[in-house]
Amino acid sequence: MEARLHLKPGQNGTKQLVQKYGERLVCVRYRYDEVSGQRHKTVELIEETVPWRPASSREKHLMQRAAEEPVLVKIDYQERELREQVRRAGGRWQPAERAWRCLMA
């Protein structure tokens, strides 16, 4: 399904939805399904608003370190293309774990 039109609240095609959802409306998308020959109108709404505080520098540092740690990824034998993508990205086969070790970049 392809989204061909992305409208902001207040633009033509959104006025009734603005009346219905008000400030909660973020955007309206028109998606086209070539297989079924249908157009779908979707809306993105704000469901909840709560206070949020950006992560502290220590938390950011820990998250950055975690992103740099290698992870084990199990890939089914039949998924040749995926294995090749992991290999090209620097992944290495770990026979003992029967998995690929790579970074989560």
PDB file of N, CA and C in Angstrom:
ATOM      1  N   MET A   1       0.842  -1.165   0.000  1.00  0.00           N
ATOM      2  CA  MET A   1       0.000   0.000   0.000  1.00  0.00           C
ATOM      3  C   MET A   1       0.896   1.239   0.000  1.00  0.00           C
ATOM      4  N   GLU A   2       0.572   2.181  -0.852  1.00  0.00           N
ATOM      5  CA  GLU A   2       1.398   3.369  -1.024  1.00  0.00           C
ATOM      6  C   GLU A   2       0.654   4.608  -0.529  1.00  0.00           C
ATOM      7  N   ALA A   3       1.329   5.415   0.289  1.00  0.00           N
ATOM      8  CA  ALA A   3       0.747   6.683   0.748  1.00  0.00           C
ATOM      9  C   ALA A   3       1.157   7.758  -0.249  1.00  0.00           C
ATOM     10  N   ARG A   4       0.176   8.296  -0.968  1.00  0.00           N
ATOM     11  CA  ARG A   4       0.479   9.295  -1.993  1.00  0.00           C
ATOM     12  C   ARG A   4       0.231  10.715  -1.527  1.00  0.00           C
ATOM     13  N   LEU A   5      -0.603  10.879  -0.514  1.00  0.00           N
ATOM     14  CA  LEU A   5      -0.966  12.224  -0.090  1.00  0.00           C
ATOM     15  C   LEU A   5      -0.893  12.312   1.427  1.00  0.00           C
ATOM     16  N   HIS A   6      -0.210  13.319   1.921  1.00  0.00           N
ATOM     17  CA  HIS A   6      -0.009  13.530   3.356  1.00  0.00           C
ATOM     18  C   HIS A   6      -0.444  14.969   3.638  1.00  0.00           C
ATOM     19  N   LEU A   7      -1.549  15.126   4.381  1.00  0.00           N
ATOM     20  CA  LEU A   7      -2.108  16.457   4.623  1.00  0.00           C
ATOM     21  C   LEU A   7      -2.003  16.848   6.089  1.00  0.00           C
ATOM     22  N   LYS A   8      -1.738  18.118   6.325  1.00  0.00           N
ATOM     23  CA  LYS A   8      -1.714  18.656   7.683  1.00  0.00           C
ATOM     24  C   LYS A   8      -3.101  19.180   8.027  1.00  0.00           C
ATOM     25  N   PRO A   9      -3.439  19.236   9.316  1.00  0.00           N
ATOM     26  CA  PRO A   9      -4.752  19.757   9.709  1.00  0.00           C
ATOM     27  C   PRO A   9      -4.988  21.150   9.133  1.00  0.00           C
ATOM     28  N   GLY A  10      -6.196  21.351   8.592  1.00  0.00           N
ATOM     29  CA  GLY A  10      -6.560  22.634   8.022  1.00  0.00           C
ATOM     30  C   GLY A  10      -6.472  22.679   6.510  1.00  0.00           C
ATOM     31  N   GLN A  11      -5.699  21.765   5.903  1.00  0.00           N
ATOM     32  CA  GLN A  11      -5.619  21.731   4.453  1.00  0.00           C
ATOM     33  C   GLN A  11      -6.917  21.162   3.882  1.00  0.00           C
ATOM     34  N   ASN A  12      -7.156  21.438   2.582  1.00  0.00           N
ATOM     35  CA  ASN A  12      -8.327  20.877   1.920  1.00  0.00           C
ATOM     36  C   ASN A  12      -8.305  19.356   2.050  1.00  0.00           C
ATOM     37  N   GLY A  13      -9.440  18.789   2.413  1.00  0.00           N
ATOM     38  CA  GLY A  13      -9.525  17.344   2.616  1.00  0.00           C
ATOM     39  C   GLY A  13      -9.412  16.949   4.074  1.00  0.00           C
ATOM     40  N   THR A  14      -9.186  17.934   4.966  1.00  0.00           N
ATOM     41  CA  THR A  14      -9.048  17.612   6.393  1.00  0.00           C
ATOM     42  C   THR A  14     -10.051  18.360   7.260  1.00  0.00           C
ATOM     43  N   LYS A  15     -10.808  19.254   6.696  1.00  0.00           N
ATOM     44  CA  LYS A  15     -11.649  20.160   7.497  1.00  0.00           C
ATOM     45  C   LYS A  15     -12.659  19.415   8.375  1.00  0.00           C
ATOM     46  N   GLN A  16     -13.347  18.401   7.823  1.00  0.00           N
ATOM     47  CA  GLN A  16     -14.307  17.647   8.636  1.00  0.00           C
ATOM     48  C   GLN A  16     -13.600  16.868   9.739  1.00  0.00           C
ATOM     49  N   LEU A  17     -12.406  16.363   9.431  1.00  0.00           N
ATOM     50  CA  LEU A  17     -11.660  15.618  10.443  1.00  0.00           C
ATOM     51  C   LEU A  17     -11.153  16.549  11.542  1.00  0.00           C
ATOM     52  N   VAL A  18     -10.809  17.789  11.194  1.00  0.00           N
ATOM     53  CA  VAL A  18     -10.408  18.773  12.206  1.00  0.00           C
ATOM     54  C   VAL A  18     -11.586  19.051  13.128  1.00  0.00           C
ATOM     55  N   GLN A  19     -12.794  19.160  12.562  1.00  0.00           N
ATOM     56  CA  GLN A  19     -13.983  19.366  13.394  1.00  0.00           C
ATOM     57  C   GLN A  19     -14.214  18.168  14.309  1.00  0.00           C
ATOM     58  N   LYS A  20     -13.963  16.976  13.798  1.00  0.00           N
ATOM     59  CA  LYS A  20     -14.212  15.749  14.564  1.00  0.00           C
ATOM     60  C   LYS A  20     -13.169  15.538  15.663  1.00  0.00           C
ATOM     61  N   TYR A  21     -11.880  15.719  15.339  1.00  0.00           N
ATOM     62  CA  TYR A  21     -10.798  15.383  16.269  1.00  0.00           C
ATOM     63  C   TYR A  21     -10.133  16.594  16.927  1.00  0.00           C
ATOM     64  N   GLY A  22     -10.289  17.774  16.357  1.00  0.00           N
ATOM     65  CA  GLY A  22      -9.719  18.979  16.951  1.00  0.00           C
ATOM     66  C   GLY A  22      -8.202  18.962  17.009  1.00  0.00           C
ATOM     67  N   GLU A  23      -7.675  19.395  18.157  1.00  0.00           N
ATOM     68  CA  GLU A  23      -6.223  19.514  18.355  1.00  0.00           C
ATOM     69  C   GLU A  23      -5.506  18.169  18.348  1.00  0.00           C
ATOM     70  N   ARG A  24      -6.253  17.089  18.506  1.00  0.00           N
ATOM     71  CA  ARG A  24      -5.634  15.753  18.536  1.00  0.00           C
ATOM     72  C   ARG A  24      -5.158  15.302  17.159  1.00  0.00           C
ATOM     73  N   LEU A  25      -5.687  15.897  16.084  1.00  0.00           N
ATOM     74  CA  LEU A  25      -5.351  15.484  14.720  1.00  0.00           C
ATOM     75  C   LEU A  25      -3.936  15.934  14.364  1.00  0.00           C
ATOM     76  N   VAL A  26      -3.100  14.983  13.967  1.00  0.00           N
ATOM     77  CA  VAL A  26      -1.722  15.276  13.571  1.00  0.00           C
ATOM     78  C   VAL A  26      -1.617  15.356  12.051  1.00  0.00           C
ATOM     79  N   CYS A  27      -2.162  14.359  11.345  1.00  0.00           N
ATOM     80  CA  CYS A  27      -2.121  14.379   9.886  1.00  0.00           C
ATOM     81  C   CYS A  27      -3.159  13.415   9.318  1.00  0.00           C
ATOM     82  N   VAL A  28      -3.424  13.579   8.026  1.00  0.00           N
ATOM     83  CA  VAL A  28      -4.336  12.709   7.284  1.00  0.00           C
ATOM     84  C   VAL A  28      -3.542  12.161   6.107  1.00  0.00           C
ATOM     85  N   ARG A  29      -3.638  10.858   5.884  1.00  0.00           N
ATOM     86  CA  ARG A  29      -2.948  10.238   4.752  1.00  0.00           C
ATOM     87  C   ARG A  29      -3.957   9.511   3.876  1.00  0.00           C
ATOM     88  N   TYR A  30      -3.731   9.580   2.588  1.00  0.00           N
ATOM     89  CA  TYR A  30      -4.506   8.787   1.641  1.00  0.00           C
ATOM     90  C   TYR A  30      -3.577   7.692   1.128  1.00  0.00           C
ATOM     91  N   ARG A  31      -3.972   6.454   1.359  1.00  0.00           N
ATOM     92  CA  ARG A  31      -3.174   5.298   0.944  1.00  0.00           C
ATOM     93  C   ARG A  31      -3.910   4.555  -0.159  1.00  0.00           C
ATOM     94  N   TYR A  32      -3.160   4.120  -1.146  1.00  0.00           N
ATOM     95  CA  TYR A  32      -3.743   3.456  -2.306  1.00  0.00           C
ATOM     96  C   TYR A  32      -3.248   2.019  -2.377  1.00  0.00           C
ATOM     97  N   ASP A  33      -4.203   1.089  -2.468  1.00  0.00           N
ATOM     98  CA  ASP A  33      -3.892  -0.335  -2.560  1.00  0.00           C
ATOM     99  C   ASP A  33      -4.156  -0.779  -3.992  1.00  0.00           C
ATOM    100  N   GLU A  34      -3.088  -0.983  -4.755  1.00  0.00           N
ATOM    101  CA  GLU A  34      -3.236  -1.358  -6.156  1.00  0.00           C
ATOM    102  C   GLU A  34      -3.800  -2.759  -6.319  1.00  0.00           C
ATOM    103  N   VAL A  35      -3.543  -3.641  -5.365  1.00  0.00           N
ATOM    104  CA  VAL A  35      -4.039  -5.014  -5.461  1.00  0.00           C
ATOM    105  C   VAL A  35      -5.558  -5.042  -5.375  1.00  0.00           C
ATOM    106  N   SER A  36      -6.119  -4.366  -4.380  1.00  0.00           N
ATOM    107  CA  SER A  36      -7.571  -4.382  -4.196  1.00  0.00           C
ATOM    108  C   SER A  36      -8.268  -3.230  -4.925  1.00  0.00           C
ATOM    109  N   GLY A  37      -7.499  -2.260  -5.420  1.00  0.00           N
ATOM    110  CA  GLY A  37      -8.086  -1.122  -6.110  1.00  0.00           C
ATOM    111  C   GLY A  37      -8.856  -0.197  -5.180  1.00  0.00           C
ATOM    112  N   GLN A  38      -8.389  -0.076  -3.942  1.00  0.00           N
ATOM    113  CA  GLN A  38      -9.087   0.755  -2.965  1.00  0.00           C
ATOM    114  C   GLN A  38      -8.188   1.879  -2.460  1.00  0.00           C
ATOM    115  N   ARG A  39      -8.852   2.979  -2.054  1.00  0.00           N
ATOM    116  CA  ARG A  39      -8.154   4.093  -1.421  1.00  0.00           C
ATOM    117  C   ARG A  39      -8.590   4.122   0.039  1.00  0.00           C
ATOM    118  N   HIS A  40      -7.629   4.271   0.937  1.00  0.00           N
ATOM    119  CA  HIS A  40      -7.911   4.328   2.369  1.00  0.00           C
ATOM    120  C   HIS A  40      -7.512   5.701   2.889  1.00  0.00           C
ATOM    121  N   LYS A  41      -8.382   6.299   3.683  1.00  0.00           N
ATOM    122  CA  LYS A  41      -8.059   7.557   4.352  1.00  0.00           C
ATOM    123  C   LYS A  41      -7.701   7.193   5.787  1.00  0.00           C
ATOM    124  N   THR A  42      -6.483   7.529   6.215  1.00  0.00           N
ATOM    125  CA  THR A  42      -6.048   7.229   7.574  1.00  0.00           C
ATOM    126  C   THR A  42      -5.767   8.536   8.301  1.00  0.00           C
ATOM    127  N   VAL A  43      -5.915   8.499   9.621  1.00  0.00           N
ATOM    128  CA  VAL A  43      -5.629   9.677  10.431  1.00  0.00           C
ATOM    129  C   VAL A  43      -4.621   9.308  11.509  1.00  0.00           C
ATOM    130  N   GLU A  44      -3.771  10.256  11.834  1.00  0.00           N
ATOM    131  CA  GLU A  44      -2.831  10.093  12.943  1.00  0.00           C
ATOM    132  C   GLU A  44      -3.290  11.036  14.043  1.00  0.00           C
ATOM    133  N   LEU A  45      -3.535  10.455  15.228  1.00  0.00           N
ATOM    134  CA  LEU A  45      -4.069  11.224  16.350  1.00  0.00           C
ATOM    135  C   LEU A  45      -3.115  11.204  17.527  1.00  0.00           C
ATOM    136  N   ILE A  46      -3.185  12.250  18.340  1.00  0.00           N
ATOM    137  CA  ILE A  46      -2.496  12.255  19.629  1.00  0.00           C
ATOM    138  C   ILE A  46      -3.446  11.600  20.620  1.00  0.00           C
ATOM    139  N   GLU A  47      -3.031  10.484  21.179  1.00  0.00           N
ATOM    140  CA  GLU A  47      -3.854   9.736  22.122  1.00  0.00           C
ATOM    141  C   GLU A  47      -3.635  10.209  23.551  1.00  0.00           C
ATOM    142  N   GLU A  48      -2.391  10.550  23.875  1.00  0.00           N
ATOM    143  CA  GLU A  48      -2.077  10.896  25.259  1.00  0.00           C
ATOM    144  C   GLU A  48      -0.920  11.883  25.263  1.00  0.00           C
ATOM    145  N   THR A  49      -0.949  12.800  26.188  1.00  0.00           N
ATOM    146  CA  THR A  49       0.145  13.742  26.376  1.00  0.00           C
ATOM    147  C   THR A  49       0.543  13.700  27.840  1.00  0.00           C
ATOM    148  N   VAL A  50       1.806  13.333  28.086  1.00  0.00           N
ATOM    149  CA  VAL A  50       2.306  13.252  29.461  1.00  0.00           C
ATOM    150  C   VAL A  50       3.655  13.969  29.525  1.00  0.00           C
ATOM    151  N   PRO A  51       4.043  14.433  30.691  1.00  0.00           N
ATOM    152  CA  PRO A  51       5.351  15.072  30.824  1.00  0.00           C
ATOM    153  C   PRO A  51       6.470  14.093  30.459  1.00  0.00           C
ATOM    154  N   TRP A  52       7.503  14.614  29.841  1.00  0.00           N
ATOM    155  CA  TRP A  52       8.641  13.796  29.439  1.00  0.00           C
ATOM    156  C   TRP A  52       9.908  14.596  29.663  1.00  0.00           C
ATOM    157  N   ARG A  53      10.913  13.913  30.112  1.00  0.00           N
ATOM    158  CA  ARG A  53      12.205  14.537  30.373  1.00  0.00           C
ATOM    159  C   ARG A  53      13.245  13.813  29.530  1.00  0.00           C
ATOM    160  N   PRO A  54      14.027  14.551  28.735  1.00  0.00           N
ATOM    161  CA  PRO A  54      15.074  13.896  27.944  1.00  0.00           C
ATOM    162  C   PRO A  54      16.028  13.124  28.849  1.00  0.00           C
ATOM    163  N   ALA A  55      16.609  12.080  28.307  1.00  0.00           N
ATOM    164  CA  ALA A  55      17.533  11.247  29.075  1.00  0.00           C
ATOM    165  C   ALA A  55      18.720  12.078  29.551  1.00  0.00           C
ATOM    166  N   SER A  56      19.216  11.739  30.726  1.00  0.00           N
ATOM    167  CA  SER A  56      20.397  12.431  31.246  1.00  0.00           C
ATOM    168  C   SER A  56      21.612  12.034  30.414  1.00  0.00           C
ATOM    169  N   SER A  57      22.683  12.764  30.587  1.00  0.00           N
ATOM    170  CA  SER A  57      23.886  12.463  29.815  1.00  0.00           C
ATOM    171  C   SER A  57      24.408  11.067  30.146  1.00  0.00           C
ATOM    172  N   ARG A  58      24.239  10.622  31.402  1.00  0.00           N
ATOM    173  CA  ARG A  58      24.671   9.268  31.765  1.00  0.00           C
ATOM    174  C   ARG A  58      23.834   8.227  31.029  1.00  0.00           C
ATOM    175  N   GLU A  59      22.517   8.432  30.997  1.00  0.00           N
ATOM    176  CA  GLU A  59      21.656   7.497  30.283  1.00  0.00           C
ATOM    177  C   GLU A  59      21.984   7.476  28.795  1.00  0.00           C
ATOM    178  N   LYS A  60      22.241   8.658  28.219  1.00  0.00           N
ATOM    179  CA  LYS A  60      22.614   8.724  26.806  1.00  0.00           C
ATOM    180  C   LYS A  60      23.905   7.949  26.561  1.00  0.00           C
ATOM    181  N   HIS A  61      24.869   8.117  27.479  1.00  0.00           N
ATOM    182  CA  HIS A  61      26.149   7.426  27.350  1.00  0.00           C
ATOM    183  C   HIS A  61      25.943   5.914  27.401  1.00  0.00           C
ATOM    184  N   LEU A  62      25.128   5.441  28.350  1.00  0.00           N
ATOM    185  CA  LEU A  62      24.886   4.005  28.466  1.00  0.00           C
ATOM    186  C   LEU A  62      24.163   3.463  27.236  1.00  0.00           C
ATOM    187  N   MET A  63      23.224   4.221  26.712  1.00  0.00           N
ATOM    188  CA  MET A  63      22.514   3.777  25.519  1.00  0.00           C
ATOM    189  C   MET A  63      23.452   3.730  24.319  1.00  0.00           C
ATOM    190  N   GLN A  64      24.358   4.698  24.222  1.00  0.00           N
ATOM    191  CA  GLN A  64      25.321   4.714  23.127  1.00  0.00           C
ATOM    192  C   GLN A  64      26.250   3.512  23.221  1.00  0.00           C
ATOM    193  N   ARG A  65      26.713   3.204  24.433  1.00  0.00           N
ATOM    194  CA  ARG A  65      27.584   2.039  24.612  1.00  0.00           C
ATOM    195  C   ARG A  65      26.852   0.762  24.253  1.00  0.00           C
ATOM    196  N   ALA A  66      25.577   0.660  24.649  1.00  0.00           N
ATOM    197  CA  ALA A  66      24.797  -0.538  24.334  1.00  0.00           C
ATOM    198  C   ALA A  66      24.650  -0.694  22.823  1.00  0.00           C
ATOM    199  N   ALA A  67      24.507   0.421  22.109  1.00  0.00           N
ATOM    200  CA  ALA A  67      24.369   0.358  20.653  1.00  0.00           C
ATOM    201  C   ALA A  67      25.659  -0.106  19.991  1.00  0.00           C
ATOM    202  N   GLU A  68      26.791   0.095  20.668  1.00  0.00           N
ATOM    203  CA  GLU A  68      28.079  -0.300  20.107  1.00  0.00           C
ATOM    204  C   GLU A  68      28.455  -1.736  20.459  1.00  0.00           C
ATOM    205  N   GLU A  69      27.690  -2.374  21.330  1.00  0.00           N
ATOM    206  CA  GLU A  69      27.970  -3.755  21.715  1.00  0.00           C
ATOM    207  C   GLU A  69      27.463  -4.706  20.635  1.00  0.00           C
ATOM    208  N   PRO A  70      28.230  -5.734  20.298  1.00  0.00           N
ATOM    209  CA  PRO A  70      27.740  -6.696  19.308  1.00  0.00           C
ATOM    210  C   PRO A  70      26.583  -7.524  19.868  1.00  0.00           C
ATOM    211  N   VAL A  71      25.709  -7.944  18.980  1.00  0.00           N
ATOM    212  CA  VAL A  71      24.573  -8.781  19.357  1.00  0.00           C
ATOM    213  C   VAL A  71      24.612 -10.056  18.525  1.00  0.00           C
ATOM    214  N   LEU A  72      23.969 -11.100  19.032  1.00  0.00           N
ATOM    215  CA  LEU A  72      23.840 -12.347  18.281  1.00  0.00           C
ATOM    216  C   LEU A  72      22.501 -12.345  17.563  1.00  0.00           C
ATOM    217  N   VAL A  73      22.536 -12.707  16.290  1.00  0.00           N
ATOM    218  CA  VAL A  73      21.324 -12.741  15.476  1.00  0.00           C
ATOM    219  C   VAL A  73      21.205 -14.120  14.851  1.00  0.00           C
ATOM    220  N   LYS A  74      20.094 -14.800  15.121  1.00  0.00           N
ATOM    221  CA  LYS A  74      19.847 -16.107  14.507  1.00  0.00           C
ATOM    222  C   LYS A  74      19.129 -15.882  13.188  1.00  0.00           C
ATOM    223  N   ILE A  75      19.689 -16.423  12.124  1.00  0.00           N
ATOM    224  CA  ILE A  75      19.113 -16.290  10.790  1.00  0.00           C
ATOM    225  C   ILE A  75      18.919 -17.688  10.233  1.00  0.00           C
ATOM    226  N   ASP A  76      17.720 -17.966   9.763  1.00  0.00           N
ATOM    227  CA  ASP A  76      17.408 -19.277   9.212  1.00  0.00           C
ATOM    228  C   ASP A  76      18.305 -19.570   8.010  1.00  0.00           C
ATOM    229  N   TYR A  77      18.667 -20.835   7.836  1.00  0.00           N
ATOM    230  CA  TYR A  77      19.589 -21.229   6.777  1.00  0.00           C
ATOM    231  C   TYR A  77      19.071 -20.838   5.395  1.00  0.00           C
ATOM    232  N   GLN A  78      17.771 -20.901   5.178  1.00  0.00           N
ATOM    233  CA  GLN A  78      17.195 -20.598   3.869  1.00  0.00           C
ATOM    234  C   GLN A  78      17.247 -19.103   3.529  1.00  0.00           C
ATOM    235  N   GLU A  79      17.498 -18.245   4.488  1.00  0.00           N
ATOM    236  CA  GLU A  79      17.506 -16.798   4.258  1.00  0.00           C
ATOM    237  C   GLU A  79      18.884 -16.343   3.776  1.00  0.00           C
ATOM    238  N   ARG A  80      19.230 -16.772   2.572  1.00  0.00           N
ATOM    239  CA  ARG A  80      20.565 -16.499   2.026  1.00  0.00           C
ATOM    240  C   ARG A  80      20.832 -15.000   1.875  1.00  0.00           C
ATOM    241  N   GLU A  81      19.865 -14.280   1.322  1.00  0.00           N
ATOM    242  CA  GLU A  81      20.065 -12.850   1.084  1.00  0.00           C
ATOM    243  C   GLU A  81      20.275 -12.103   2.404  1.00  0.00           C
ATOM    244  N   LEU A  82      19.520 -12.441   3.426  1.00  0.00           N
ATOM    245  CA  LEU A  82      19.680 -11.793   4.726  1.00  0.00           C
ATOM    246  C   LEU A  82      21.048 -12.113   5.322  1.00  0.00           C
ATOM    247  N   ARG A  83      21.477 -13.367   5.203  1.00  0.00           N
ATOM    248  CA  ARG A  83      22.817 -13.732   5.695  1.00  0.00           C
ATOM    249  C   ARG A  83      23.889 -12.922   4.971  1.00  0.00           C
ATOM    250  N   GLU A  84      23.716 -12.757   3.666  1.00  0.00           N
ATOM    251  CA  GLU A  84      24.691 -12.004   2.882  1.00  0.00           C
ATOM    252  C   GLU A  84      24.702 -10.530   3.292  1.00  0.00           C
ATOM    253  N   GLN A  85      23.545  -9.965   3.589  1.00  0.00           N
ATOM    254  CA  GLN A  85      23.481  -8.571   4.048  1.00  0.00           C
ATOM    255  C   GLN A  85      24.218  -8.408   5.373  1.00  0.00           C
ATOM    256  N   VAL A  86      24.027  -9.357   6.278  1.00  0.00           N
ATOM    257  CA  VAL A  86      24.711  -9.300   7.579  1.00  0.00           C
ATOM    258  C   VAL A  86      26.213  -9.422   7.374  1.00  0.00           C
ATOM    259  N   ARG A  87      26.624 -10.308   6.479  1.00  0.00           N
ATOM    260  CA  ARG A  87      28.050 -10.485   6.207  1.00  0.00           C
ATOM    261  C   ARG A  87      28.643  -9.190   5.638  1.00  0.00           C
ATOM    262  N   ARG A  88      27.945  -8.569   4.680  1.00  0.00           N
ATOM    263  CA  ARG A  88      28.441  -7.320   4.087  1.00  0.00           C
ATOM    264  C   ARG A  88      28.506  -6.196   5.119  1.00  0.00           C
ATOM    265  N   ALA A  89      27.644  -6.243   6.122  1.00  0.00           N
ATOM    266  CA  ALA A  89      27.631  -5.214   7.168  1.00  0.00           C
ATOM    267  C   ALA A  89      28.669  -5.490   8.251  1.00  0.00           C
ATOM    268  N   GLY A  90      29.475  -6.528   8.067  1.00  0.00           N
ATOM    269  CA  GLY A  90      30.537  -6.814   9.026  1.00  0.00           C
ATOM    270  C   GLY A  90      30.216  -7.917  10.012  1.00  0.00           C
ATOM    271  N   GLY A  91      29.092  -8.583   9.847  1.00  0.00           N
ATOM    272  CA  GLY A  91      28.724  -9.677  10.740  1.00  0.00           C
ATOM    273  C   GLY A  91      29.626 -10.884  10.546  1.00  0.00           C
ATOM    274  N   ARG A  92      29.809 -11.639  11.608  1.00  0.00           N
ATOM    275  CA  ARG A  92      30.647 -12.845  11.567  1.00  0.00           C
ATOM    276  C   ARG A  92      29.864 -14.024  12.117  1.00  0.00           C
ATOM    277  N   TRP A  93      29.999 -15.170  11.456  1.00  0.00           N
ATOM    278  CA  TRP A  93      29.343 -16.402  11.887  1.00  0.00           C
ATOM    279  C   TRP A  93      30.034 -16.933  13.136  1.00  0.00           C
ATOM    280  N   GLN A  94      29.249 -17.281  14.150  1.00  0.00           N
ATOM    281  CA  GLN A  94      29.755 -17.844  15.402  1.00  0.00           C
ATOM    282  C   GLN A  94      29.257 -19.289  15.491  1.00  0.00           C
ATOM    283  N   PRO A  95      30.089 -20.262  15.099  1.00  0.00           N
ATOM    284  CA  PRO A  95      29.618 -21.652  15.056  1.00  0.00           C
ATOM    285  C   PRO A  95      29.147 -22.170  16.412  1.00  0.00           C
ATOM    286  N   ALA A  96      29.807 -21.781  17.490  1.00  0.00           N
ATOM    287  CA  ALA A  96      29.428 -22.290  18.815  1.00  0.00           C
ATOM    288  C   ALA A  96      28.012 -21.860  19.188  1.00  0.00           C
ATOM    289  N   GLU A  97      27.649 -20.632  18.837  1.00  0.00           N
ATOM    290  CA  GLU A  97      26.310 -20.128  19.156  1.00  0.00           C
ATOM    291  C   GLU A  97      25.311 -20.395  18.034  1.00  0.00           C
ATOM    292  N   ARG A  98      25.830 -20.817  16.871  1.00  0.00           N
ATOM    293  CA  ARG A  98      25.002 -21.029  15.678  1.00  0.00           C
ATOM    294  C   ARG A  98      24.202 -19.759  15.364  1.00  0.00           C
ATOM    295  N   ALA A  99      24.930 -18.627  15.388  1.00  0.00           N
ATOM    296  CA  ALA A  99      24.305 -17.326  15.149  1.00  0.00           C
ATOM    297  C   ALA A  99      25.355 -16.377  14.578  1.00  0.00           C
ATOM    298  N   TRP A 100      24.887 -15.244  14.071  1.00  0.00           N
ATOM    299  CA  TRP A 100      25.759 -14.207  13.541  1.00  0.00           C
ATOM    300  C   TRP A 100      25.974 -13.142  14.605  1.00  0.00           C
ATOM    301  N   ARG A 101      27.222 -12.691  14.760  1.00  0.00           N
ATOM    302  CA  ARG A 101      27.547 -11.606  15.686  1.00  0.00           C
ATOM    303  C   ARG A 101      27.741 -10.344  14.849  1.00  0.00           C
ATOM    304  N   CYS A 102      26.982  -9.295  15.198  1.00  0.00           N
ATOM    305  CA  CYS A 102      27.098  -8.040  14.452  1.00  0.00           C
ATOM    306  C   CYS A 102      26.702  -6.875  15.348  1.00  0.00           C
ATOM    307  N   LEU A 103      27.025  -5.669  14.885  1.00  0.00           N
ATOM    308  CA  LEU A 103      26.643  -4.452  15.596  1.00  0.00           C
ATOM    309  C   LEU A 103      25.243  -4.055  15.169  1.00  0.00           C
ATOM    310  N   MET A 104      24.533  -3.359  16.064  1.00  0.00           N
ATOM    311  CA  MET A 104      23.165  -2.933  15.767  1.00  0.00           C
ATOM    312  C   MET A 104      23.151  -1.567  15.097  1.00  0.00           C
ATOM    313  N   ALA A 105      23.978  -1.353  14.133  1.00  0.00           N
ATOM    314  CA  ALA A 105      24.059  -0.043  13.469  1.00  0.00           C
ATOM    315  C   ALA A 105      22.959   0.144  12.467  1.00  0.00           C
TER     316      ALA A 105
END
